[in-house]
Amino acid sequence: MNHEKFMKEAIRIAERGIKEGQTPFGAVIVKNNRIIAKAHNTVFKDNDPTAHAEINAIRKASKKLKTIDLKGCVIYSTCEPCPMCFSAIHWANIDGIYYGASIRDAEKLGFRELRISNKRMKSLSKKTVKLKIVGGVMKEECRKMMKKWKGKTY
């Protein structure tokens, strides 16, 4: 898989969301090395606190594939998924998460993140979860995009 290619697209879609007045988060779902869904955060546009990029991408992928079972798919997210998004990824049976910035990076920008990493959430599962988690994919590029949105450095 071309991780950089897919993360670049997640960043691009997050930047589109920023232009539309949304927060700096983007996600892309890939199956068989092809993008099947991409989305950015639409919380403010939709007046929906669950309209995170990952949730929006899962909804699009499920609709496109006509199934709630996204086995065989992986998700690229500009930031480590929050607990809500991690749970949705888990329930959709997505095989892997590749993310850029960490939950702590988002927290430093003022987001009210719960400090529960994806690896920690995976470890809390009572059944064996085979979900692959890879952090730090194009981390600096993701952080730069997020900082640009916030207009400050840390």
Protein backbone atom coordinates (compact mmCIF):
# COMPACT_ATOMS: atom_id res chain seq x y z
CA MET A 1 0.00 0.00 0.00
CA ASN A 2 1.09 3.52 -0.69
CA HIS A 3 0.56 5.03 2.76
CA GLU A 4 1.86 8.45 1.79
CA LYS A 5 -0.48 8.70 -1.21
CA PHE A 6 -3.54 7.92 0.90
CA MET A 7 -2.52 10.19 3.78
CA LYS A 8 -1.92 13.04 1.33
CA GLU A 9 -5.50 12.61 0.17
CA ALA A 10 -6.75 12.65 3.78
CA ILE A 11 -4.82 15.90 4.32
CA ARG A 12 -6.23 17.36 1.10
CA ILE A 13 -9.80 16.53 2.13
CA ALA A 14 -9.17 18.00 5.62
CA GLU A 15 -7.94 21.21 3.99
CA ARG A 16 -11.14 21.32 1.93
CA GLY A 17 -13.09 21.06 5.17
CA ILE A 18 -11.10 23.92 6.67
CA LYS A 19 -12.05 26.09 3.68
CA GLU A 20 -15.68 25.21 4.43
CA GLY A 21 -15.33 26.36 8.06
CA GLN A 22 -14.79 22.93 9.61
CA THR A 23 -12.09 21.62 11.94
CA PRO A 24 -8.84 20.14 10.50
CA PHE A 25 -9.66 16.46 10.24
CA GLY A 26 -9.86 14.23 7.19
CA ALA A 27 -10.22 10.51 6.55
CA VAL A 28 -9.92 8.17 3.59
CA ILE A 29 -11.07 4.53 3.44
CA VAL A 30 -9.15 2.23 1.11
CA LYS A 31 -9.99 -1.24 -0.17
CA ASN A 32 -7.81 -3.23 -2.56
CA ASN A 33 -5.43 -0.26 -2.80
CA ARG A 34 -8.24 2.03 -4.06
CA ILE A 35 -9.98 4.89 -2.28
CA ILE A 36 -13.62 4.03 -1.79
CA ALA A 37 -14.62 6.89 0.53
CA LYS A 38 -13.22 10.17 1.79
CA ALA A 39 -14.62 12.76 4.12
CA HIS A 40 -13.79 15.64 6.40
CA ASN A 41 -15.28 16.75 9.67
CA THR A 42 -18.74 18.36 9.25
CA VAL A 43 -19.69 18.87 12.90
CA PHE A 44 -20.47 22.59 12.53
CA LYS A 45 -22.08 22.34 9.09
CA ASP A 46 -24.38 19.50 10.17
CA ASN A 47 -24.86 20.60 13.78
CA ASP A 48 -23.93 17.03 14.63
CA PRO A 49 -21.24 16.26 17.22
CA THR A 50 -20.83 12.77 15.71
CA ALA A 51 -20.00 14.05 12.21
CA HIS A 52 -16.27 13.40 12.55
CA ALA A 53 -14.24 12.68 9.42
CA GLU A 54 -13.91 8.97 10.24
CA ILE A 55 -17.64 8.53 10.91
CA ASN A 56 -18.53 10.39 7.71
CA ALA A 57 -16.10 8.23 5.70
CA ILE A 58 -17.50 5.02 7.23
CA ARG A 59 -21.03 6.11 6.31
CA LYS A 60 -19.96 6.78 2.71
CA ALA A 61 -18.03 3.50 2.42
CA SER A 62 -20.91 1.45 3.84
CA LYS A 63 -23.34 3.10 1.46
CA LYS A 64 -21.05 2.58 -1.54
CA LEU A 65 -20.35 -1.07 -0.69
CA LYS A 66 -23.93 -1.67 0.48
CA THR A 67 -22.76 -3.29 3.71
CA ILE A 68 -21.94 -2.41 7.29
CA ASP A 69 -19.06 -4.90 7.23
CA LEU A 70 -15.97 -3.09 5.96
CA LYS A 71 -13.61 -6.04 6.38
CA GLY A 72 -10.77 -5.72 3.92
CA CYS A 73 -10.71 -1.93 4.27
CA VAL A 74 -8.26 0.33 6.05
CA ILE A 75 -8.73 3.93 7.13
CA TYR A 76 -6.28 6.81 6.91
CA SER A 77 -6.96 9.66 9.29
CA THR A 78 -5.08 12.91 9.71
CA CYS A 79 -5.34 12.48 13.47
CA GLU A 80 -5.58 9.49 15.79
CA PRO A 81 -9.28 8.62 15.96
CA CYS A 82 -11.13 9.63 19.11
CA PRO A 83 -12.79 6.88 21.19
CA MET A 84 -16.11 7.34 19.35
CA CYS A 85 -14.44 6.99 15.95
CA PHE A 86 -12.27 4.10 17.11
CA SER A 87 -15.42 2.29 18.24
CA ALA A 88 -17.11 2.87 14.88
CA ILE A 89 -13.99 1.61 13.07
CA HIS A 90 -14.02 -1.48 15.31
CA TRP A 91 -17.74 -2.13 14.76
CA ALA A 92 -17.35 -1.71 10.99
CA ASN A 93 -14.67 -4.45 11.03
CA ILE A 94 -12.10 -2.20 9.36
CA ASP A 95 -8.75 -4.01 9.25
CA GLY A 96 -6.39 -1.14 9.98
CA ILE A 97 -5.99 2.44 11.14
CA TYR A 98 -3.19 4.62 9.79
CA TYR A 99 -3.07 8.06 11.37
CA GLY A 100 -0.84 11.12 11.32
CA ALA A 101 -1.06 13.38 14.37
CA SER A 102 -1.76 11.94 17.82
CA ILE A 103 -4.62 12.54 20.22
CA ARG A 104 -2.19 14.61 22.30
CA ASP A 105 -1.41 16.80 19.26
CA ALA A 106 -5.14 17.56 18.92
CA GLU A 107 -5.39 18.25 22.63
CA LYS A 108 -2.55 20.79 22.35
CA LEU A 109 -4.67 22.66 19.80
CA GLY A 110 -7.52 22.94 22.28
CA PHE A 111 -9.70 19.98 21.30
CA ARG A 112 -11.39 18.26 24.23
CA GLU A 113 -9.79 14.92 23.59
CA LEU A 114 -10.17 11.93 25.84
CA ARG A 115 -6.65 10.67 26.49
CA ILE A 116 -7.36 7.12 25.47
CA SER A 117 -5.09 5.98 22.67
CA ASN A 118 -6.26 3.62 19.96
CA LYS A 119 -3.78 1.00 21.18
CA ARG A 120 -5.21 1.28 24.70
CA MET A 121 -8.78 0.94 23.44
CA LYS A 122 -7.80 -2.11 21.40
CA SER A 123 -6.24 -3.67 24.51
CA LEU A 124 -9.51 -3.22 26.44
CA SER A 125 -11.46 -5.45 24.06
CA LYS A 126 -12.55 -8.75 25.58
CA LYS A 127 -12.18 -10.51 22.27
CA THR A 128 -9.05 -10.65 20.20
CA VAL A 129 -9.05 -7.62 17.92
CA LYS A 130 -6.85 -7.99 14.88
CA LEU A 131 -7.10 -4.30 14.01
CA LYS A 132 -3.72 -2.99 12.85
CA ILE A 133 -2.84 0.45 14.25
CA VAL A 134 -0.03 2.52 12.76
CA GLY A 135 0.56 6.04 14.01
CA GLY A 136 2.80 8.80 12.79
CA VAL A 137 2.10 8.45 9.06
CA MET A 138 3.14 11.85 7.66
CA LYS A 139 2.81 13.15 11.21
CA GLU A 140 4.60 16.45 10.62
CA GLU A 141 2.50 17.24 7.55
CA CYS A 142 -0.69 16.51 9.52
CA ARG A 143 0.47 18.59 12.48
CA LYS A 144 1.43 21.45 10.17
CA MET A 145 -2.03 21.44 8.58
CA MET A 146 -3.67 21.39 12.01
CA LYS A 147 -1.47 24.23 13.29
CA LYS A 148 -2.21 26.28 10.20
CA TRP A 149 -5.91 25.91 11.00
CA LYS A 150 -5.37 27.03 14.56
CA GLY A 151 -2.97 29.78 13.57
CA LYS A 152 -0.44 28.99 16.26
CA THR A 153 2.50 26.76 16.96
CA TYR A 154 3.31 24.55 19.90
